[in-house]
């Protein structure tokens, strides 16, 4: 069984390289050299603008998002981000609210990681 189940579909040499980096605790140094730049999206308002721009570019016909924000309650062990849909009954109508919650640890990561999560 693969010790890193989320890498099971990748080639053996990549799995071995990732495992050796994890054992040597060199992941942070490797990622810092590979992705030296950090993004400037620190607030939830800036995140919402960034997400709307990406959505307008790649997902024009998708339903609109009501709320986009950094969530302090999400941790890397639980989830990196959540796409939540809540339905509320208002008379004879059903109203759907769509939210995108991103873990607040993504305020300090490279731009490529934030884009991947969004």
PDB file of N, CA and C in Angstrom:
ATOM      1  N   UNK A   1       0.844  -1.193   0.000  1.00  0.00           N
ATOM      2  CA  UNK A   1       0.000   0.000   0.000  1.00  0.00           C
ATOM      3  C   UNK A   1       0.880   1.245   0.000  1.00  0.00           C
ATOM      4  N   UNK A   2       0.491   2.222  -0.749  1.00  0.00           N
ATOM      5  CA  UNK A   2       1.246   3.468  -0.867  1.00  0.00           C
ATOM      6  C   UNK A   2       1.102   4.282   0.424  1.00  0.00           C
ATOM      7  N   UNK A   3       2.219   4.753   1.018  1.00  0.00           N
ATOM      8  CA  UNK A   3       2.107   5.556   2.238  1.00  0.00           C
ATOM      9  C   UNK A   3       1.469   6.920   1.991  1.00  0.00           C
ATOM     10  N   UNK A   4       1.468   7.367   0.732  1.00  0.00           N
ATOM     11  CA  UNK A   4       0.834   8.624   0.360  1.00  0.00           C
ATOM     12  C   UNK A   4      -0.289   8.314  -0.630  1.00  0.00           C
ATOM     13  N   UNK A   5      -1.488   7.993  -0.144  1.00  0.00           N
ATOM     14  CA  UNK A   5      -2.549   7.530  -1.039  1.00  0.00           C
ATOM     15  C   UNK A   5      -2.953   8.550  -2.095  1.00  0.00           C
ATOM     16  N   UNK A   6      -2.789   9.841  -1.839  1.00  0.00           N
ATOM     17  CA  UNK A   6      -3.164  10.849  -2.825  1.00  0.00           C
ATOM     18  C   UNK A   6      -2.152  10.931  -3.962  1.00  0.00           C
ATOM     19  N   UNK A   7      -1.010  10.238  -3.857  1.00  0.00           N
ATOM     20  CA  UNK A   7      -0.024  10.191  -4.927  1.00  0.00           C
ATOM     21  C   UNK A   7       0.008   8.832  -5.623  1.00  0.00           C
ATOM     22  N   UNK A   8      -0.945   7.977  -5.314  1.00  0.00           N
ATOM     23  CA  UNK A   8      -0.925   6.599  -5.819  1.00  0.00           C
ATOM     24  C   UNK A   8      -0.968   6.518  -7.345  1.00  0.00           C
ATOM     25  N   UNK A   9      -1.563   7.462  -8.017  1.00  0.00           N
ATOM     26  CA  UNK A   9      -1.686   7.410  -9.475  1.00  0.00           C
ATOM     27  C   UNK A   9      -0.441   7.944 -10.191  1.00  0.00           C
ATOM     28  N   UNK A  10       0.486   8.533  -9.448  1.00  0.00           N
ATOM     29  CA  UNK A  10       1.688   9.101 -10.054  1.00  0.00           C
ATOM     30  C   UNK A  10       2.767   8.038 -10.223  1.00  0.00           C
ATOM     31  N   UNK A  11       3.772   8.292 -11.084  1.00  0.00           N
ATOM     32  CA  UNK A  11       4.842   7.314 -11.296  1.00  0.00           C
ATOM     33  C   UNK A  11       5.620   7.016 -10.010  1.00  0.00           C
ATOM     34  N   UNK A  12       6.232   5.843  -9.975  1.00  0.00           N
ATOM     35  CA  UNK A  12       6.964   5.393  -8.786  1.00  0.00           C
ATOM     36  C   UNK A  12       8.094   6.337  -8.400  1.00  0.00           C
ATOM     37  N   UNK A  13       8.826   6.867  -9.392  1.00  0.00           N
ATOM     38  CA  UNK A  13       9.952   7.745  -9.065  1.00  0.00           C
ATOM     39  C   UNK A  13       9.485   9.040  -8.409  1.00  0.00           C
ATOM     40  N   UNK A  14       8.329   9.544  -8.809  1.00  0.00           N
ATOM     41  CA  UNK A  14       7.792  10.744  -8.180  1.00  0.00           C
ATOM     42  C   UNK A  14       7.343  10.442  -6.752  1.00  0.00           C
ATOM     43  N   UNK A  15       6.730   9.287  -6.541  1.00  0.00           N
ATOM     44  CA  UNK A  15       6.316   8.893  -5.195  1.00  0.00           C
ATOM     45  C   UNK A  15       7.526   8.743  -4.282  1.00  0.00           C
ATOM     46  N   UNK A  16       8.595   8.128  -4.799  1.00  0.00           N
ATOM     47  CA  UNK A  16       9.809   7.950  -4.000  1.00  0.00           C
ATOM     48  C   UNK A  16      10.440   9.293  -3.658  1.00  0.00           C
ATOM     49  N   UNK A  17      10.450  10.221  -4.607  1.00  0.00           N
ATOM     50  CA  UNK A  17      11.008  11.552  -4.365  1.00  0.00           C
ATOM     51  C   UNK A  17      10.204  12.300  -3.305  1.00  0.00           C
ATOM     52  N   UNK A  18       8.881  12.220  -3.390  1.00  0.00           N
ATOM     53  CA  UNK A  18       8.021  12.887  -2.402  1.00  0.00           C
ATOM     54  C   UNK A  18       8.214  12.274  -1.022  1.00  0.00           C
ATOM     55  N   UNK A  19       8.323  10.963  -0.974  1.00  0.00           N
ATOM     56  CA  UNK A  19       8.510  10.293   0.318  1.00  0.00           C
ATOM     57  C   UNK A  19       9.852  10.657   0.939  1.00  0.00           C
ATOM     58  N   UNK A  20      10.911  10.751   0.115  1.00  0.00           N
ATOM     59  CA  UNK A  20      12.222  11.124   0.650  1.00  0.00           C
ATOM     60  C   UNK A  20      12.228  12.571   1.147  1.00  0.00           C
ATOM     61  N   UNK A  21      11.525  13.454   0.442  1.00  0.00           N
ATOM     62  CA  UNK A  21      11.413  14.845   0.906  1.00  0.00           C
ATOM     63  C   UNK A  21      10.669  14.926   2.234  1.00  0.00           C
ATOM     64  N   UNK A  22       9.616  14.132   2.375  1.00  0.00           N
ATOM     65  CA  UNK A  22       8.863  14.140   3.630  1.00  0.00           C
ATOM     66  C   UNK A  22       9.688  13.583   4.783  1.00  0.00           C
ATOM     67  N   UNK A  23      10.459  12.542   4.522  1.00  0.00           N
ATOM     68  CA  UNK A  23      11.298  11.959   5.579  1.00  0.00           C
ATOM     69  C   UNK A  23      12.401  12.917   6.005  1.00  0.00           C
ATOM     70  N   UNK A  24      13.000  13.600   5.051  1.00  0.00           N
ATOM     71  CA  UNK A  24      14.094  14.519   5.358  1.00  0.00           C
ATOM     72  C   UNK A  24      13.582  15.876   5.822  1.00  0.00           C
ATOM     73  N   UNK A  25      12.285  16.070   5.817  1.00  0.00           N
ATOM     74  CA  UNK A  25      11.647  17.329   6.191  1.00  0.00           C
ATOM     75  C   UNK A  25      12.188  18.488   5.352  1.00  0.00           C
ATOM     76  N   UNK A  26      12.360  18.239   4.050  1.00  0.00           N
ATOM     77  CA  UNK A  26      12.856  19.259   3.151  1.00  0.00           C
ATOM     78  C   UNK A  26      11.791  19.815   2.235  1.00  0.00           C
ATOM     79  N   UNK A  27      10.545  19.530   2.535  1.00  0.00           N
ATOM     80  CA  UNK A  27       9.449  19.979   1.675  1.00  0.00           C
ATOM     81  C   UNK A  27       9.345  21.496   1.658  1.00  0.00           C
ATOM     82  N   UNK A  28       9.452  22.118   2.808  1.00  0.00           N
ATOM     83  CA  UNK A  28       9.318  23.576   2.880  1.00  0.00           C
ATOM     84  C   UNK A  28      10.422  24.270   2.085  1.00  0.00           C
ATOM     85  N   UNK A  29      11.654  23.778   2.202  1.00  0.00           N
ATOM     86  CA  UNK A  29      12.761  24.382   1.453  1.00  0.00           C
ATOM     87  C   UNK A  29      12.583  24.177  -0.045  1.00  0.00           C
ATOM     88  N   UNK A  30      12.168  22.980  -0.434  1.00  0.00           N
ATOM     89  CA  UNK A  30      11.960  22.686  -1.852  1.00  0.00           C
ATOM     90  C   UNK A  30      10.876  23.584  -2.444  1.00  0.00           C
ATOM     91  N   UNK A  31       9.759  23.725  -1.730  1.00  0.00           N
ATOM     92  CA  UNK A  31       8.667  24.557  -2.232  1.00  0.00           C
ATOM     93  C   UNK A  31       9.048  26.029  -2.258  1.00  0.00           C
ATOM     94  N   UNK A  32       9.869  26.465  -1.299  1.00  0.00           N
ATOM     95  CA  UNK A  32      10.306  27.868  -1.279  1.00  0.00           C
ATOM     96  C   UNK A  32      11.208  28.186  -2.468  1.00  0.00           C
ATOM     97  N   UNK A  33      12.031  27.225  -2.902  1.00  0.00           N
ATOM     98  CA  UNK A  33      12.877  27.478  -4.068  1.00  0.00           C
ATOM     99  C   UNK A  33      12.087  27.348  -5.367  1.00  0.00           C
ATOM    100  N   UNK A  34      11.116  26.451  -5.381  1.00  0.00           N
ATOM    101  CA  UNK A  34      10.325  26.248  -6.598  1.00  0.00           C
ATOM    102  C   UNK A  34       9.312  27.369  -6.831  1.00  0.00           C
ATOM    103  N   UNK A  35       8.700  27.858  -5.758  1.00  0.00           N
ATOM    104  CA  UNK A  35       7.690  28.925  -5.841  1.00  0.00           C
ATOM    105  C   UNK A  35       8.105  30.078  -4.921  1.00  0.00           C
ATOM    106  N   UNK A  36       9.023  30.930  -5.343  1.00  0.00           N
ATOM    107  CA  UNK A  36       9.508  31.993  -4.448  1.00  0.00           C
ATOM    108  C   UNK A  36       8.522  33.147  -4.254  1.00  0.00           C
ATOM    109  N   UNK A  37       7.611  33.355  -5.195  1.00  0.00           N
ATOM    110  CA  UNK A  37       6.707  34.506  -5.105  1.00  0.00           C
ATOM    111  C   UNK A  37       5.491  34.182  -4.232  1.00  0.00           C
ATOM    112  N   UNK A  38       4.985  35.213  -3.577  1.00  0.00           N
ATOM    113  CA  UNK A  38       3.761  35.097  -2.783  1.00  0.00           C
ATOM    114  C   UNK A  38       2.697  35.977  -3.432  1.00  0.00           C
ATOM    115  N   UNK A  39       1.450  35.633  -3.236  1.00  0.00           N
ATOM    116  CA  UNK A  39       0.386  36.458  -3.817  1.00  0.00           C
ATOM    117  C   UNK A  39       0.046  37.611  -2.884  1.00  0.00           C
ATOM    118  N   UNK A  40      -0.670  38.584  -3.403  1.00  0.00           N
ATOM    119  CA  UNK A  40      -1.025  39.779  -2.640  1.00  0.00           C
ATOM    120  C   UNK A  40      -2.476  39.762  -2.179  1.00  0.00           C
ATOM    121  N   UNK A  41      -3.132  38.627  -2.243  1.00  0.00           N
ATOM    122  CA  UNK A  41      -4.549  38.533  -1.885  1.00  0.00           C
ATOM    123  C   UNK A  41      -4.641  38.150  -0.413  1.00  0.00           C
ATOM    124  N   UNK A  42      -4.740  39.149   0.458  1.00  0.00           N
ATOM    125  CA  UNK A  42      -4.720  38.913   1.898  1.00  0.00           C
ATOM    126  C   UNK A  42      -6.099  39.025   2.553  1.00  0.00           C
ATOM    127  N   UNK A  43      -7.017  39.742   1.924  1.00  0.00           N
ATOM    128  CA  UNK A  43      -8.325  39.950   2.532  1.00  0.00           C
ATOM    129  C   UNK A  43      -9.391  39.138   1.801  1.00  0.00           C
ATOM    130  N   UNK A  44     -10.488  38.930   2.478  1.00  0.00           N
ATOM    131  CA  UNK A  44     -11.597  38.195   1.868  1.00  0.00           C
ATOM    132  C   UNK A  44     -12.191  38.965   0.698  1.00  0.00           C
ATOM    133  N   UNK A  45     -12.179  40.280   0.777  1.00  0.00           N
ATOM    134  CA  UNK A  45     -12.713  41.085  -0.322  1.00  0.00           C
ATOM    135  C   UNK A  45     -11.853  40.927  -1.571  1.00  0.00           C
ATOM    136  N   UNK A  46     -10.532  40.952  -1.400  1.00  0.00           N
ATOM    137  CA  UNK A  46      -9.629  40.744  -2.538  1.00  0.00           C
ATOM    138  C   UNK A  46      -9.766  39.330  -3.090  1.00  0.00           C
ATOM    139  N   UNK A  47      -9.991  38.360  -2.204  1.00  0.00           N
ATOM    140  CA  UNK A  47     -10.203  36.976  -2.641  1.00  0.00           C
ATOM    141  C   UNK A  47     -11.473  36.874  -3.474  1.00  0.00           C
ATOM    142  N   UNK A  48     -12.527  37.552  -3.050  1.00  0.00           N
ATOM    143  CA  UNK A  48     -13.782  37.508  -3.793  1.00  0.00           C
ATOM    144  C   UNK A  48     -13.610  38.100  -5.198  1.00  0.00           C
ATOM    145  N   UNK A  49     -12.859  39.178  -5.317  1.00  0.00           N
ATOM    146  CA  UNK A  49     -12.603  39.784  -6.625  1.00  0.00           C
ATOM    147  C   UNK A  49     -11.805  38.821  -7.497  1.00  0.00           C
ATOM    148  N   UNK A  50     -10.789  38.183  -6.917  1.00  0.00           N
ATOM    149  CA  UNK A  50      -9.948  37.220  -7.642  1.00  0.00           C
ATOM    150  C   UNK A  50     -10.782  36.044  -8.143  1.00  0.00           C
ATOM    151  N   UNK A  51     -11.641  35.516  -7.292  1.00  0.00           N
ATOM    152  CA  UNK A  51     -12.480  34.378  -7.669  1.00  0.00           C
ATOM    153  C   UNK A  51     -13.470  34.768  -8.760  1.00  0.00           C
ATOM    154  N   UNK A  52     -14.071  35.941  -8.655  1.00  0.00           N
ATOM    155  CA  UNK A  52     -15.021  36.381  -9.673  1.00  0.00           C
ATOM    156  C   UNK A  52     -14.344  36.574 -11.027  1.00  0.00           C
ATOM    157  N   UNK A  53     -13.092  37.065 -11.019  1.00  0.00           N
ATOM    158  CA  UNK A  53     -12.358  37.213 -12.275  1.00  0.00           C
ATOM    159  C   UNK A  53     -12.079  35.849 -12.909  1.00  0.00           C
ATOM    160  N   UNK A  54     -11.650  34.885 -12.100  1.00  0.00           N
ATOM    161  CA  UNK A  54     -11.408  33.539 -12.620  1.00  0.00           C
ATOM    162  C   UNK A  54     -12.696  32.904 -13.125  1.00  0.00           C
ATOM    163  N   UNK A  55     -13.771  33.104 -12.381  1.00  0.00           N
ATOM    164  CA  UNK A  55     -15.057  32.531 -12.764  1.00  0.00           C
ATOM    165  C   UNK A  55     -15.546  33.148 -14.077  1.00  0.00           C
ATOM    166  N   UNK A  56     -15.381  34.453 -14.224  1.00  0.00           N
ATOM    167  CA  UNK A  56     -15.813  35.119 -15.452  1.00  0.00           C
ATOM    168  C   UNK A  56     -15.001  34.648 -16.655  1.00  0.00           C
ATOM    169  N   UNK A  57     -13.753  34.290 -16.421  1.00  0.00           N
ATOM    170  CA  UNK A  57     -12.894  33.858 -17.513  1.00  0.00           C
ATOM    171  C   UNK A  57     -13.137  32.406 -17.915  1.00  0.00           C
ATOM    172  N   UNK A  58     -13.331  31.519 -16.932  1.00  0.00           N
ATOM    173  CA  UNK A  58     -13.375  30.089 -17.211  1.00  0.00           C
ATOM    174  C   UNK A  58     -14.751  29.433 -17.046  1.00  0.00           C
ATOM    175  N   UNK A  59     -15.629  30.032 -16.259  1.00  0.00           N
ATOM    176  CA  UNK A  59     -16.914  29.396 -15.955  1.00  0.00           C
ATOM    177  C   UNK A  59     -18.055  30.406 -16.084  1.00  0.00           C
ATOM    178  N   UNK A  60     -18.215  30.940 -17.264  1.00  0.00           N
ATOM    179  CA  UNK A  60     -19.192  32.018 -17.450  1.00  0.00           C
ATOM    180  C   UNK A  60     -20.629  31.601 -17.173  1.00  0.00           C
ATOM    181  N   UNK A  61     -20.984  30.367 -17.496  1.00  0.00           N
ATOM    182  CA  UNK A  61     -22.379  29.954 -17.365  1.00  0.00           C
ATOM    183  C   UNK A  61     -22.702  29.321 -16.015  1.00  0.00           C
ATOM    184  N   UNK A  62     -21.737  29.207 -15.137  1.00  0.00           N
ATOM    185  CA  UNK A  62     -21.967  28.624 -13.816  1.00  0.00           C
ATOM    186  C   UNK A  62     -22.783  29.589 -12.954  1.00  0.00           C
ATOM    187  N   UNK A  63     -23.471  29.032 -11.995  1.00  0.00           N
ATOM    188  CA  UNK A  63     -24.291  29.851 -11.103  1.00  0.00           C
ATOM    189  C   UNK A  63     -23.397  30.794 -10.297  1.00  0.00           C
ATOM    190  N   UNK A  64     -23.893  31.985  -9.979  1.00  0.00           N
ATOM    191  CA  UNK A  64     -23.066  32.961  -9.251  1.00  0.00           C
ATOM    192  C   UNK A  64     -22.803  32.530  -7.813  1.00  0.00           C
ATOM    193  N   UNK A  65     -21.676  32.984  -7.290  1.00  0.00           N
ATOM    194  CA  UNK A  65     -21.328  32.730  -5.894  1.00  0.00           C
ATOM    195  C   UNK A  65     -21.812  33.899  -5.053  1.00  0.00           C
ATOM    196  N   UNK A  66     -22.469  33.587  -3.960  1.00  0.00           N
ATOM    197  CA  UNK A  66     -22.972  34.636  -3.097  1.00  0.00           C
ATOM    198  C   UNK A  66     -21.915  35.198  -2.169  1.00  0.00           C
ATOM    199  N   UNK A  67     -20.986  34.331  -1.739  1.00  0.00           N
ATOM    200  CA  UNK A  67     -20.011  34.759  -0.757  1.00  0.00           C
ATOM    201  C   UNK A  67     -18.712  33.996  -0.970  1.00  0.00           C
ATOM    202  N   UNK A  68     -17.604  34.691  -0.910  1.00  0.00           N
ATOM    203  CA  UNK A  68     -16.274  34.087  -1.004  1.00  0.00           C
ATOM    204  C   UNK A  68     -15.435  34.690   0.111  1.00  0.00           C
ATOM    205  N   UNK A  69     -14.818  33.836   0.936  1.00  0.00           N
ATOM    206  CA  UNK A  69     -14.037  34.377   2.043  1.00  0.00           C
ATOM    207  C   UNK A  69     -13.022  33.368   2.559  1.00  0.00           C
ATOM    208  N   UNK A  70     -12.021  33.904   3.284  1.00  0.00           N
ATOM    209  CA  UNK A  70     -11.059  33.072   3.997  1.00  0.00           C
ATOM    210  C   UNK A  70     -11.723  32.627   5.295  1.00  0.00           C
ATOM    211  N   UNK A  71     -11.654  31.349   5.582  1.00  0.00           N
ATOM    212  CA  UNK A  71     -12.286  30.804   6.776  1.00  0.00           C
ATOM    213  C   UNK A  71     -11.203  30.376   7.763  1.00  0.00           C
ATOM    214  N   UNK A  72     -11.199  30.977   8.952  1.00  0.00           N
ATOM    215  CA  UNK A  72     -10.210  30.646   9.977  1.00  0.00           C
ATOM    216  C   UNK A  72     -10.461  29.290  10.618  1.00  0.00           C
ATOM    217  N   UNK A  73     -11.654  28.761  10.468  1.00  0.00           N
ATOM    218  CA  UNK A  73     -11.993  27.484  11.112  1.00  0.00           C
ATOM    219  C   UNK A  73     -11.562  26.269  10.302  1.00  0.00           C
ATOM    220  N   UNK A  74     -11.192  26.464   9.035  1.00  0.00           N
ATOM    221  CA  UNK A  74     -10.727  25.351   8.212  1.00  0.00           C
ATOM    222  C   UNK A  74      -9.237  25.138   8.439  1.00  0.00           C
ATOM    223  N   UNK A  75      -8.862  23.895   8.647  1.00  0.00           N
ATOM    224  CA  UNK A  75      -7.464  23.549   8.833  1.00  0.00           C
ATOM    225  C   UNK A  75      -7.050  22.567   7.765  1.00  0.00           C
ATOM    226  N   UNK A  76      -5.765  22.464   7.517  1.00  0.00           N
ATOM    227  CA  UNK A  76      -5.251  21.598   6.451  1.00  0.00           C
ATOM    228  C   UNK A  76      -5.651  20.139   6.660  1.00  0.00           C
ATOM    229  N   UNK A  77      -5.791  19.696   7.892  1.00  0.00           N
ATOM    230  CA  UNK A  77      -6.181  18.311   8.137  1.00  0.00           C
ATOM    231  C   UNK A  77      -7.624  18.036   7.773  1.00  0.00           C
ATOM    232  N   UNK A  78      -8.483  19.033   7.918  1.00  0.00           N
ATOM    233  CA  UNK A  78      -9.901  18.843   7.634  1.00  0.00           C
ATOM    234  C   UNK A  78     -10.205  19.074   6.159  1.00  0.00           C
ATOM    235  N   UNK A  79      -9.993  20.282   5.702  1.00  0.00           N
ATOM    236  CA  UNK A  79     -10.283  20.637   4.310  1.00  0.00           C
ATOM    237  C   UNK A  79      -9.479  21.881   3.955  1.00  0.00           C
ATOM    238  N   UNK A  80      -9.128  21.991   2.705  1.00  0.00           N
ATOM    239  CA  UNK A  80      -8.410  23.168   2.232  1.00  0.00           C
ATOM    240  C   UNK A  80      -9.374  24.247   1.773  1.00  0.00           C
ATOM    241  N   UNK A  81     -10.538  23.828   1.332  1.00  0.00           N
ATOM    242  CA  UNK A  81     -11.563  24.747   0.895  1.00  0.00           C
ATOM    243  C   UNK A  81     -12.883  24.010   0.780  1.00  0.00           C
ATOM    244  N   UNK A  82     -13.968  24.740   0.874  1.00  0.00           N
ATOM    245  CA  UNK A  82     -15.298  24.150   0.778  1.00  0.00           C
ATOM    246  C   UNK A  82     -16.154  24.960  -0.183  1.00  0.00           C
ATOM    247  N   UNK A  83     -16.931  24.248  -0.971  1.00  0.00           N
ATOM    248  CA  UNK A  83     -17.938  24.886  -1.808  1.00  0.00           C
ATOM    249  C   UNK A  83     -19.267  24.466  -1.215  1.00  0.00           C
ATOM    250  N   UNK A  84     -19.966  25.404  -0.590  1.00  0.00           N
ATOM    251  CA  UNK A  84     -21.168  25.108   0.179  1.00  0.00           C
ATOM    252  C   UNK A  84     -22.388  25.684  -0.527  1.00  0.00           C
ATOM    253  N   UNK A  85     -23.425  24.881  -0.620  1.00  0.00           N
ATOM    254  CA  UNK A  85     -24.703  25.346  -1.155  1.00  0.00           C
ATOM    255  C   UNK A  85     -25.763  25.133  -0.082  1.00  0.00           C
ATOM    256  N   UNK A  86     -26.456  26.189   0.281  1.00  0.00           N
ATOM    257  CA  UNK A  86     -27.552  26.092   1.240  1.00  0.00           C
ATOM    258  C   UNK A  86     -28.846  26.495   0.552  1.00  0.00           C
ATOM    259  N   UNK A  87     -29.899  25.775   0.848  1.00  0.00           N
ATOM    260  CA  UNK A  87     -31.206  26.049   0.265  1.00  0.00           C
ATOM    261  C   UNK A  87     -32.140  26.533   1.370  1.00  0.00           C
ATOM    262  N   UNK A  88     -32.843  27.594   1.100  1.00  0.00           N
ATOM    263  CA  UNK A  88     -33.803  28.139   2.058  1.00  0.00           C
ATOM    264  C   UNK A  88     -35.155  28.280   1.377  1.00  0.00           C
ATOM    265  N   UNK A  89     -36.182  27.997   2.124  1.00  0.00           N
ATOM    266  CA  UNK A  89     -37.537  28.124   1.603  1.00  0.00           C
ATOM    267  C   UNK A  89     -38.058  29.503   1.979  1.00  0.00           C
ATOM    268  N   UNK A  90     -38.489  30.245   0.964  1.00  0.00           N
ATOM    269  CA  UNK A  90     -39.095  31.551   1.184  1.00  0.00           C
ATOM    270  C   UNK A  90     -40.446  31.546   0.487  1.00  0.00           C
ATOM    271  N   UNK A  91     -41.467  31.191   1.238  1.00  0.00           N
ATOM    272  CA  UNK A  91     -42.806  31.081   0.660  1.00  0.00           C
ATOM    273  C   UNK A  91     -42.866  29.897  -0.277  1.00  0.00           C
ATOM    274  N   UNK A  92     -43.240  30.141  -1.525  1.00  0.00           N
ATOM    275  CA  UNK A  92     -43.325  29.068  -2.509  1.00  0.00           C
ATOM    276  C   UNK A  92     -42.022  28.906  -3.291  1.00  0.00           C
ATOM    277  N   UNK A  93     -41.022  29.719  -2.965  1.00  0.00           N
ATOM    278  CA  UNK A  93     -39.766  29.695  -3.714  1.00  0.00           C
ATOM    279  C   UNK A  93     -38.642  29.057  -2.913  1.00  0.00           C
ATOM    280  N   UNK A  94     -37.718  28.429  -3.615  1.00  0.00           N
ATOM    281  CA  UNK A  94     -36.497  27.931  -3.008  1.00  0.00           C
ATOM    282  C   UNK A  94     -35.361  28.869  -3.401  1.00  0.00           C
ATOM    283  N   UNK A  95     -34.606  29.335  -2.433  1.00  0.00           N
ATOM    284  CA  UNK A  95     -33.462  30.218  -2.687  1.00  0.00           C
ATOM    285  C   UNK A  95     -32.190  29.455  -2.351  1.00  0.00           C
ATOM    286  N   UNK A  96     -31.242  29.484  -3.283  1.00  0.00           N
ATOM    287  CA  UNK A  96     -29.962  28.827  -3.052  1.00  0.00           C
ATOM    288  C   UNK A  96     -28.879  29.867  -2.866  1.00  0.00           C
ATOM    289  N   UNK A  97     -28.048  29.653  -1.857  1.00  0.00           N
ATOM    290  CA  UNK A  97     -26.874  30.486  -1.637  1.00  0.00           C
ATOM    291  C   UNK A  97     -25.652  29.617  -1.819  1.00  0.00           C
ATOM    292  N   UNK A  98     -24.717  30.093  -2.596  1.00  0.00           N
ATOM    293  CA  UNK A  98     -23.484  29.360  -2.837  1.00  0.00           C
ATOM    294  C   UNK A  98     -22.321  30.121  -2.230  1.00  0.00           C
ATOM    295  N   UNK A  99     -21.521  29.422  -1.428  1.00  0.00           N
ATOM    296  CA  UNK A  99     -20.373  30.033  -0.776  1.00  0.00           C
ATOM    297  C   UNK A  99     -19.115  29.253  -1.115  1.00  0.00           C
ATOM    298  N   UNK A 100     -18.019  29.953  -1.198  1.00  0.00           N
ATOM    299  CA  UNK A 100     -16.716  29.334  -1.368  1.00  0.00           C
ATOM    300  C   UNK A 100     -15.878  29.755  -0.173  1.00  0.00           C
ATOM    301  N   UNK A 101     -15.476  28.759   0.627  1.00  0.00           N
ATOM    302  CA  UNK A 101     -14.671  29.024   1.821  1.00  0.00           C
ATOM    303  C   UNK A 101     -13.276  28.460   1.592  1.00  0.00           C
ATOM    304  N   UNK A 102     -12.274  29.300   1.749  1.00  0.00           N
ATOM    305  CA  UNK A 102     -10.884  28.913   1.562  1.00  0.00           C
ATOM    306  C   UNK A 102     -10.191  28.992   2.919  1.00  0.00           C
ATOM    307  N   UNK A 103      -9.404  27.979   3.251  1.00  0.00           N
ATOM    308  CA  UNK A 103      -8.680  27.975   4.523  1.00  0.00           C
ATOM    309  C   UNK A 103      -7.758  29.188   4.601  1.00  0.00           C
ATOM    310  N   UNK A 104      -7.692  29.802   5.775  1.00  0.00           N
ATOM    311  CA  UNK A 104      -6.923  31.035   5.918  1.00  0.00           C
ATOM    312  C   UNK A 104      -5.425  30.816   5.789  1.00  0.00           C
ATOM    313  N   UNK A 105      -4.956  29.584   5.838  1.00  0.00           N
ATOM    314  CA  UNK A 105      -3.532  29.342   5.635  1.00  0.00           C
ATOM    315  C   UNK A 105      -3.095  29.687   4.218  1.00  0.00           C
ATOM    316  N   UNK A 106      -4.037  29.825   3.286  1.00  0.00           N
ATOM    317  CA  UNK A 106      -3.713  30.183   1.911  1.00  0.00           C
ATOM    318  C   UNK A 106      -3.455  31.674   1.723  1.00  0.00           C
ATOM    319  N   UNK A 107      -3.474  32.454   2.806  1.00  0.00           N
ATOM    320  CA  UNK A 107      -3.082  33.858   2.714  1.00  0.00           C
ATOM    321  C   UNK A 107      -1.574  33.992   2.526  1.00  0.00           C
ATOM    322  N   UNK A 108      -0.823  32.992   2.963  1.00  0.00           N
ATOM    323  CA  UNK A 108       0.642  33.082   2.982  1.00  0.00           C
ATOM    324  C   UNK A 108       1.326  32.112   2.032  1.00  0.00           C
ATOM    325  N   UNK A 109       0.656  31.619   1.037  1.00  0.00           N
ATOM    326  CA  UNK A 109       1.244  30.623   0.133  1.00  0.00           C
ATOM    327  C   UNK A 109       1.493  31.241  -1.253  1.00  0.00           C
ATOM    328  N   UNK A 110       2.231  30.545  -2.099  1.00  0.00           N
ATOM    329  CA  UNK A 110       2.434  31.032  -3.466  1.00  0.00           C
ATOM    330  C   UNK A 110       1.114  31.111  -4.245  1.00  0.00           C
ATOM    331  N   UNK A 111       1.121  31.943  -5.261  1.00  0.00           N
ATOM    332  CA  UNK A 111      -0.075  32.184  -6.065  1.00  0.00           C
ATOM    333  C   UNK A 111      -0.579  30.903  -6.744  1.00  0.00           C
ATOM    334  N   UNK A 112       0.320  30.016  -7.111  1.00  0.00           N
ATOM    335  CA  UNK A 112      -0.080  28.769  -7.778  1.00  0.00           C
ATOM    336  C   UNK A 112      -0.938  27.899  -6.853  1.00  0.00           C
ATOM    337  N   UNK A 113      -0.634  27.895  -5.565  1.00  0.00           N
ATOM    338  CA  UNK A 113      -1.413  27.083  -4.632  1.00  0.00           C
ATOM    339  C   UNK A 113      -2.814  27.652  -4.456  1.00  0.00           C
ATOM    340  N   UNK A 114      -2.912  28.983  -4.338  1.00  0.00           N
ATOM    341  CA  UNK A 114      -4.224  29.615  -4.187  1.00  0.00           C
ATOM    342  C   UNK A 114      -5.071  29.364  -5.425  1.00  0.00           C
ATOM    343  N   UNK A 115      -4.478  29.494  -6.598  1.00  0.00           N
ATOM    344  CA  UNK A 115      -5.218  29.259  -7.844  1.00  0.00           C
ATOM    345  C   UNK A 115      -5.695  27.818  -7.921  1.00  0.00           C
ATOM    346  N   UNK A 116      -4.871  26.878  -7.470  1.00  0.00           N
ATOM    347  CA  UNK A 116      -5.260  25.470  -7.484  1.00  0.00           C
ATOM    348  C   UNK A 116      -6.481  25.225  -6.598  1.00  0.00           C
ATOM    349  N   UNK A 117      -6.498  25.819  -5.429  1.00  0.00           N
ATOM    350  CA  UNK A 117      -7.615  25.619  -4.507  1.00  0.00           C
ATOM    351  C   UNK A 117      -8.876  26.286  -5.024  1.00  0.00           C
ATOM    352  N   UNK A 118      -8.748  27.490  -5.551  1.00  0.00           N
ATOM    353  CA  UNK A 118      -9.917  28.199  -6.085  1.00  0.00           C
ATOM    354  C   UNK A 118     -10.448  27.444  -7.287  1.00  0.00           C
TER     355      UNK A 118
END
